[in-house]
Amino acid sequence: YLNILGGLLALMLEAGPLGKTRSGYDDQ
């Protein structure tokens, strides 16, 4: 469960092609 949570968090904060995060949230 912790690995799932950590992986989702990393994906949400990963930068997309335009420099923005994929989720739209700037940080944690």
PDB file of all heavy atoms in Angstrom:
ATOM      1  N   TYR A   1       0.823  -1.212   0.000  1.00  0.00           N
ATOM      2  CA  TYR A   1       0.000   0.000   0.000  1.00  0.00           C
ATOM      3  C   TYR A   1       0.858   1.264   0.000  1.00  0.00           C
ATOM      4  O   TYR A   1       0.534   2.254  -0.669  1.00  0.00           O
ATOM      5  CB  TYR A   1      -0.939  -0.005   1.202  1.00  0.00           C
ATOM      6  CG  TYR A   1      -2.120  -0.926   1.041  1.00  0.00           C
ATOM      7  CD1 TYR A   1      -2.386  -1.928   1.957  1.00  0.00           C
ATOM      8  CD2 TYR A   1      -2.980  -0.797  -0.049  1.00  0.00           C
ATOM      9  CE1 TYR A   1      -3.464  -2.782   1.801  1.00  0.00           C
ATOM     10  CE2 TYR A   1      -4.069  -1.638  -0.212  1.00  0.00           C
ATOM     11  CZ  TYR A   1      -4.305  -2.637   0.708  1.00  0.00           C
ATOM     12  OH  TYR A   1      -5.383  -3.475   0.549  1.00  0.00           O
ATOM     13  N   LEU A   2       1.949   1.242   0.740  1.00  0.00           N
ATOM     14  CA  LEU A   2       2.831   2.414   0.767  1.00  0.00           C
ATOM     15  C   LEU A   2       3.479   2.625  -0.605  1.00  0.00           C
ATOM     16  O   LEU A   2       3.650   3.773  -1.045  1.00  0.00           O
ATOM     17  CB  LEU A   2       3.894   2.243   1.850  1.00  0.00           C
ATOM     18  CG  LEU A   2       3.400   2.394   3.295  1.00  0.00           C
ATOM     19  CD1 LEU A   2       4.502   1.998   4.275  1.00  0.00           C
ATOM     20  CD2 LEU A   2       2.932   3.824   3.576  1.00  0.00           C
ATOM     21  N   ASN A   3       3.866   1.541  -1.271  1.00  0.00           N
ATOM     22  CA  ASN A   3       4.442   1.671  -2.611  1.00  0.00           C
ATOM     23  C   ASN A   3       3.424   2.251  -3.596  1.00  0.00           C
ATOM     24  O   ASN A   3       3.762   3.073  -4.454  1.00  0.00           O
ATOM     25  CB  ASN A   3       4.928   0.318  -3.112  1.00  0.00           C
ATOM     26  CG  ASN A   3       6.249  -0.095  -2.487  1.00  0.00           C
ATOM     27  OD1 ASN A   3       6.992   0.742  -1.982  1.00  0.00           O
ATOM     28  ND2 ASN A   3       6.538  -1.383  -2.497  1.00  0.00           N
ATOM     29  N   ILE A   4       2.168   1.818  -3.484  1.00  0.00           N
ATOM     30  CA  ILE A   4       1.116   2.364  -4.355  1.00  0.00           C
ATOM     31  C   ILE A   4       0.946   3.855  -4.095  1.00  0.00           C
ATOM     32  O   ILE A   4       0.873   4.668  -5.034  1.00  0.00           O
ATOM     33  CB  ILE A   4      -0.208   1.619  -4.120  1.00  0.00           C
ATOM     34  CG1 ILE A   4      -0.088   0.164  -4.612  1.00  0.00           C
ATOM     35  CG2 ILE A   4      -1.362   2.331  -4.830  1.00  0.00           C
ATOM     36  CD1 ILE A   4      -1.254  -0.710  -4.211  1.00  0.00           C
ATOM     37  N   LEU A   5       0.901   4.220  -2.819  1.00  0.00           N
ATOM     38  CA  LEU A   5       0.727   5.634  -2.465  1.00  0.00           C
ATOM     39  C   LEU A   5       1.909   6.469  -2.957  1.00  0.00           C
ATOM     40  O   LEU A   5       1.738   7.544  -3.551  1.00  0.00           O
ATOM     41  CB  LEU A   5       0.581   5.771  -0.946  1.00  0.00           C
ATOM     42  CG  LEU A   5       0.439   7.194  -0.399  1.00  0.00           C
ATOM     43  CD1 LEU A   5      -0.784   7.882  -0.983  1.00  0.00           C
ATOM     44  CD2 LEU A   5       0.356   7.166   1.125  1.00  0.00           C
ATOM     45  N   GLY A   6       3.130   5.945  -2.736  1.00  0.00           N
ATOM     46  CA  GLY A   6       4.319   6.680  -3.176  1.00  0.00           C
ATOM     47  C   GLY A   6       4.379   6.819  -4.683  1.00  0.00           C
ATOM     48  O   GLY A   6       4.766   7.875  -5.212  1.00  0.00           O
ATOM     49  N   GLY A   7       3.981   5.750  -5.415  1.00  0.00           N
ATOM     50  CA  GLY A   7       3.985   5.810  -6.869  1.00  0.00           C
ATOM     51  C   GLY A   7       2.973   6.801  -7.412  1.00  0.00           C
ATOM     52  O   GLY A   7       3.268   7.569  -8.348  1.00  0.00           O
ATOM     53  N   LEU A   8       1.776   6.826  -6.847  1.00  0.00           N
ATOM     54  CA  LEU A   8       0.752   7.778  -7.284  1.00  0.00           C
ATOM     55  C   LEU A   8       1.187   9.213  -7.006  1.00  0.00           C
ATOM     56  O   LEU A   8       0.981  10.121  -7.837  1.00  0.00           O
ATOM     57  CB  LEU A   8      -0.577   7.482  -6.583  1.00  0.00           C
ATOM     58  CG  LEU A   8      -1.301   6.203  -7.015  1.00  0.00           C
ATOM     59  CD1 LEU A   8      -2.513   5.951  -6.124  1.00  0.00           C
ATOM     60  CD2 LEU A   8      -1.741   6.315  -8.474  1.00  0.00           C
ATOM     61  N   LEU A   9       1.810   9.423  -5.856  1.00  0.00           N
ATOM     62  CA  LEU A   9       2.277  10.768  -5.503  1.00  0.00           C
ATOM     63  C   LEU A   9       3.344  11.242  -6.494  1.00  0.00           C
ATOM     64  O   LEU A   9       3.336  12.402  -6.947  1.00  0.00           O
ATOM     65  CB  LEU A   9       2.829  10.759  -4.073  1.00  0.00           C
ATOM     66  CG  LEU A   9       3.293  12.101  -3.493  1.00  0.00           C
ATOM     67  CD1 LEU A   9       2.119  13.070  -3.405  1.00  0.00           C
ATOM     68  CD2 LEU A   9       3.909  11.897  -2.115  1.00  0.00           C
ATOM     69  N   ALA A  10       4.265  10.327  -6.832  1.00  0.00           N
ATOM     70  CA  ALA A  10       5.325  10.695  -7.779  1.00  0.00           C
ATOM     71  C   ALA A  10       4.754  11.029  -9.151  1.00  0.00           C
ATOM     72  O   ALA A  10       5.187  11.984  -9.812  1.00  0.00           O
ATOM     73  CB  ALA A  10       6.336   9.550  -7.883  1.00  0.00           C
ATOM     74  N   LEU A  11       3.760  10.236  -9.602  1.00  0.00           N
ATOM     75  CA  LEU A  11       3.140  10.507 -10.901  1.00  0.00           C
ATOM     76  C   LEU A  11       2.414  11.852 -10.914  1.00  0.00           C
ATOM     77  O   LEU A  11       2.468  12.597 -11.903  1.00  0.00           O
ATOM     78  CB  LEU A  11       2.148   9.394 -11.254  1.00  0.00           C
ATOM     79  CG  LEU A  11       2.758   8.075 -11.759  1.00  0.00           C
ATOM     80  CD1 LEU A  11       1.665   7.028 -11.937  1.00  0.00           C
ATOM     81  CD2 LEU A  11       3.504   8.296 -13.072  1.00  0.00           C
ATOM     82  N   MET A  12       1.744  12.177  -9.821  1.00  0.00           N
ATOM     83  CA  MET A  12       1.003  13.426  -9.750  1.00  0.00           C
ATOM     84  C   MET A  12       1.918  14.648  -9.818  1.00  0.00           C
ATOM     85  O   MET A  12       1.545  15.700 -10.348  1.00  0.00           O
ATOM     86  CB  MET A  12       0.173  13.480  -8.461  1.00  0.00           C
ATOM     87  CG  MET A  12      -0.990  12.496  -8.430  1.00  0.00           C
ATOM     88  SD  MET A  12      -1.937  12.610  -6.902  1.00  0.00           S
ATOM     89  CE  MET A  12      -2.756  14.208  -7.148  1.00  0.00           C
ATOM     90  N   LEU A  13       3.147  14.492  -9.318  1.00  0.00           N
ATOM     91  CA  LEU A  13       4.068  15.626  -9.281  1.00  0.00           C
ATOM     92  C   LEU A  13       5.085  15.592 -10.421  1.00  0.00           C
ATOM     93  O   LEU A  13       5.962  16.463 -10.504  1.00  0.00           O
ATOM     94  CB  LEU A  13       4.799  15.659  -7.928  1.00  0.00           C
ATOM     95  CG  LEU A  13       3.898  15.881  -6.702  1.00  0.00           C
ATOM     96  CD1 LEU A  13       4.718  15.856  -5.421  1.00  0.00           C
ATOM     97  CD2 LEU A  13       3.141  17.204  -6.827  1.00  0.00           C
ATOM     98  N   GLU A  14       4.951  14.607 -11.301  1.00  0.00           N
ATOM     99  CA  GLU A  14       5.879  14.517 -12.425  1.00  0.00           C
ATOM    100  C   GLU A  14       5.552  15.601 -13.458  1.00  0.00           C
ATOM    101  O   GLU A  14       4.391  15.861 -13.771  1.00  0.00           O
ATOM    102  CB  GLU A  14       5.759  13.134 -13.061  1.00  0.00           C
ATOM    103  CG  GLU A  14       6.783  12.871 -14.150  1.00  0.00           C
ATOM    104  CD  GLU A  14       6.656  11.460 -14.705  1.00  0.00           C
ATOM    105  OE1 GLU A  14       5.583  11.144 -15.264  1.00  0.00           O
ATOM    106  OE2 GLU A  14       7.605  10.685 -14.558  1.00  0.00           O
ATOM    107  N   ALA A  15       6.592  16.238 -13.983  1.00  0.00           N
ATOM    108  CA  ALA A  15       6.402  17.329 -14.943  1.00  0.00           C
ATOM    109  C   ALA A  15       6.008  16.775 -16.309  1.00  0.00           C
ATOM    110  O   ALA A  15       6.552  15.775 -16.776  1.00  0.00           O
ATOM    111  CB  ALA A  15       7.673  18.154 -15.063  1.00  0.00           C
ATOM    112  N   GLY A  16       5.035  17.450 -16.951  1.00  0.00           N
ATOM    113  CA  GLY A  16       4.598  17.074 -18.282  1.00  0.00           C
ATOM    114  C   GLY A  16       5.401  17.790 -19.351  1.00  0.00           C
ATOM    115  O   GLY A  16       6.373  18.507 -19.059  1.00  0.00           O
ATOM    116  N   PRO A  17       5.019  17.647 -20.628  1.00  0.00           N
ATOM    117  CA  PRO A  17       5.753  18.256 -21.745  1.00  0.00           C
ATOM    118  C   PRO A  17       5.855  19.785 -21.660  1.00  0.00           C
ATOM    119  O   PRO A  17       6.834  20.366 -22.117  1.00  0.00           O
ATOM    120  CB  PRO A  17       4.944  17.826 -22.976  1.00  0.00           C
ATOM    121  CG  PRO A  17       4.197  16.616 -22.529  1.00  0.00           C
ATOM    122  CD  PRO A  17       3.901  16.827 -21.091  1.00  0.00           C
ATOM    123  N   LEU A  18       4.851  20.433 -21.069  1.00  0.00           N
ATOM    124  CA  LEU A  18       4.843  21.892 -20.998  1.00  0.00           C
ATOM    125  C   LEU A  18       5.427  22.432 -19.698  1.00  0.00           C
ATOM    126  O   LEU A  18       5.344  23.612 -19.416  1.00  0.00           O
ATOM    127  CB  LEU A  18       3.407  22.415 -21.172  1.00  0.00           C
ATOM    128  CG  LEU A  18       2.716  22.018 -22.489  1.00  0.00           C
ATOM    129  CD1 LEU A  18       1.294  22.543 -22.510  1.00  0.00           C
ATOM    130  CD2 LEU A  18       3.516  22.557 -23.675  1.00  0.00           C
ATOM    131  N   GLY A  19       6.030  21.537 -18.924  1.00  0.00           N
ATOM    132  CA  GLY A  19       6.654  21.968 -17.682  1.00  0.00           C
ATOM    133  C   GLY A  19       5.733  21.965 -16.488  1.00  0.00           C
ATOM    134  O   GLY A  19       6.189  22.139 -15.358  1.00  0.00           O
ATOM    135  N   LYS A  20       4.451  21.789 -16.710  1.00  0.00           N
ATOM    136  CA  LYS A  20       3.490  21.713 -15.615  1.00  0.00           C
ATOM    137  C   LYS A  20       3.384  20.267 -15.126  1.00  0.00           C
ATOM    138  O   LYS A  20       3.627  19.327 -15.888  1.00  0.00           O
ATOM    139  CB  LYS A  20       2.113  22.182 -16.082  1.00  0.00           C
ATOM    140  CG  LYS A  20       2.047  23.656 -16.476  1.00  0.00           C
ATOM    141  CD  LYS A  20       2.049  24.529 -15.230  1.00  0.00           C
ATOM    142  CE  LYS A  20       1.806  25.999 -15.594  1.00  0.00           C
ATOM    143  NZ  LYS A  20       1.773  26.864 -14.389  1.00  0.00           N
ATOM    144  N   THR A  21       2.994  20.090 -13.880  1.00  0.00           N
ATOM    145  CA  THR A  21       2.780  18.728 -13.381  1.00  0.00           C
ATOM    146  C   THR A  21       1.561  18.113 -14.059  1.00  0.00           C
ATOM    147  O   THR A  21       0.633  18.824 -14.458  1.00  0.00           O
ATOM    148  CB  THR A  21       2.561  18.728 -11.850  1.00  0.00           C
ATOM    149  OG1 THR A  21       1.401  19.498 -11.548  1.00  0.00           O
ATOM    150  CG2 THR A  21       3.763  19.309 -11.131  1.00  0.00           C
ATOM    151  N   ARG A  22       1.561  16.809 -14.196  1.00  0.00           N
ATOM    152  CA  ARG A  22       0.477  16.114 -14.869  1.00  0.00           C
ATOM    153  C   ARG A  22      -0.863  16.287 -14.136  1.00  0.00           C
ATOM    154  O   ARG A  22      -1.920  16.259 -14.735  1.00  0.00           O
ATOM    155  CB  ARG A  22       0.804  14.624 -14.981  1.00  0.00           C
ATOM    156  CG  ARG A  22       2.040  14.342 -15.835  1.00  0.00           C
ATOM    157  CD  ARG A  22       2.293  12.849 -15.940  1.00  0.00           C
ATOM    158  NE  ARG A  22       3.517  12.566 -16.670  1.00  0.00           N
ATOM    159  CZ  ARG A  22       3.607  12.501 -17.996  1.00  0.00           C
ATOM    160  NH1 ARG A  22       2.532  12.728 -18.729  1.00  0.00           N
ATOM    161  NH2 ARG A  22       4.757  12.231 -18.581  1.00  0.00           N
ATOM    162  N   SER A  23      -0.790  16.433 -12.805  1.00  0.00           N
ATOM    163  CA  SER A  23      -2.015  16.527 -12.020  1.00  0.00           C
ATOM    164  C   SER A  23      -2.546  17.952 -11.915  1.00  0.00           C
ATOM    165  O   SER A  23      -3.701  18.157 -11.550  1.00  0.00           O
ATOM    166  CB  SER A  23      -1.762  15.996 -10.607  1.00  0.00           C
ATOM    167  OG  SER A  23      -0.810  16.820  -9.934  1.00  0.00           O
ATOM    168  N   GLY A  24      -1.695  18.928 -12.188  1.00  0.00           N
ATOM    169  CA  GLY A  24      -2.101  20.314 -12.005  1.00  0.00           C
ATOM    170  C   GLY A  24      -1.757  20.863 -10.635  1.00  0.00           C
ATOM    171  O   GLY A  24      -1.885  22.074 -10.385  1.00  0.00           O
ATOM    172  N   TYR A  25      -1.319  19.977  -9.723  1.00  0.00           N
ATOM    173  CA  TYR A  25      -0.879  20.428  -8.399  1.00  0.00           C
ATOM    174  C   TYR A  25       0.613  20.732  -8.454  1.00  0.00           C
ATOM    175  O   TYR A  25       1.403  19.921  -8.950  1.00  0.00           O
ATOM    176  CB  TYR A  25      -1.153  19.352  -7.341  1.00  0.00           C
ATOM    177  CG  TYR A  25      -2.625  19.136  -7.059  1.00  0.00           C
ATOM    178  CD1 TYR A  25      -3.303  18.043  -7.621  1.00  0.00           C
ATOM    179  CD2 TYR A  25      -3.330  20.007  -6.243  1.00  0.00           C
ATOM    180  CE1 TYR A  25      -4.650  17.842  -7.370  1.00  0.00           C
ATOM    181  CE2 TYR A  25      -4.680  19.810  -5.987  1.00  0.00           C
ATOM    182  CZ  TYR A  25      -5.331  18.729  -6.555  1.00  0.00           C
ATOM    183  OH  TYR A  25      -6.666  18.541  -6.304  1.00  0.00           O
ATOM    184  N   ASP A  26       0.989  21.886  -7.927  1.00  0.00           N
ATOM    185  CA  ASP A  26       2.391  22.315  -8.032  1.00  0.00           C
ATOM    186  C   ASP A  26       3.317  21.504  -7.143  1.00  0.00           C
ATOM    187  O   ASP A  26       4.478  21.269  -7.501  1.00  0.00           O
ATOM    188  CB  ASP A  26       2.506  23.797  -7.691  1.00  0.00           C
ATOM    189  CG  ASP A  26       1.800  24.676  -8.718  1.00  0.00           C
ATOM    190  OD1 ASP A  26       1.690  24.229  -9.886  1.00  0.00           O
ATOM    191  OD2 ASP A  26       1.353  25.780  -8.360  1.00  0.00           O
ATOM    192  N   ASP A  27       2.853  21.109  -5.964  1.00  0.00           N
ATOM    193  CA  ASP A  27       3.716  20.377  -5.036  1.00  0.00           C
ATOM    194  C   ASP A  27       2.866  19.544  -4.079  1.00  0.00           C
ATOM    195  O   ASP A  27       1.633  19.530  -4.159  1.00  0.00           O
ATOM    196  CB  ASP A  27       4.615  21.344  -4.252  1.00  0.00           C
ATOM    197  CG  ASP A  27       3.835  22.488  -3.609  1.00  0.00           C
ATOM    198  OD1 ASP A  27       2.637  22.275  -3.284  1.00  0.00           O
ATOM    199  OD2 ASP A  27       4.398  23.578  -3.435  1.00  0.00           O
ATOM    200  N   GLN A  28       3.548  18.863  -3.151  1.00  0.00           N
ATOM    201  CA  GLN A  28       2.859  17.993  -2.204  1.00  0.00           C
ATOM    202  C   GLN A  28       1.911  18.786  -1.310  1.00  0.00           C
ATOM    203  O   GLN A  28       0.813  18.320  -0.993  1.00  0.00           O
ATOM    204  CB  GLN A  28       3.893  17.239  -1.344  1.00  0.00           C
ATOM    205  CG  GLN A  28       3.275  16.332  -0.282  1.00  0.00           C
ATOM    206  CD  GLN A  28       4.312  15.561   0.493  1.00  0.00           C
ATOM    207  OE1 GLN A  28       5.058  14.754  -0.074  1.00  0.00           O
ATOM    208  NE2 GLN A  28       4.392  15.810   1.787  1.00  0.00           N
TER     209      GLN A  28
END
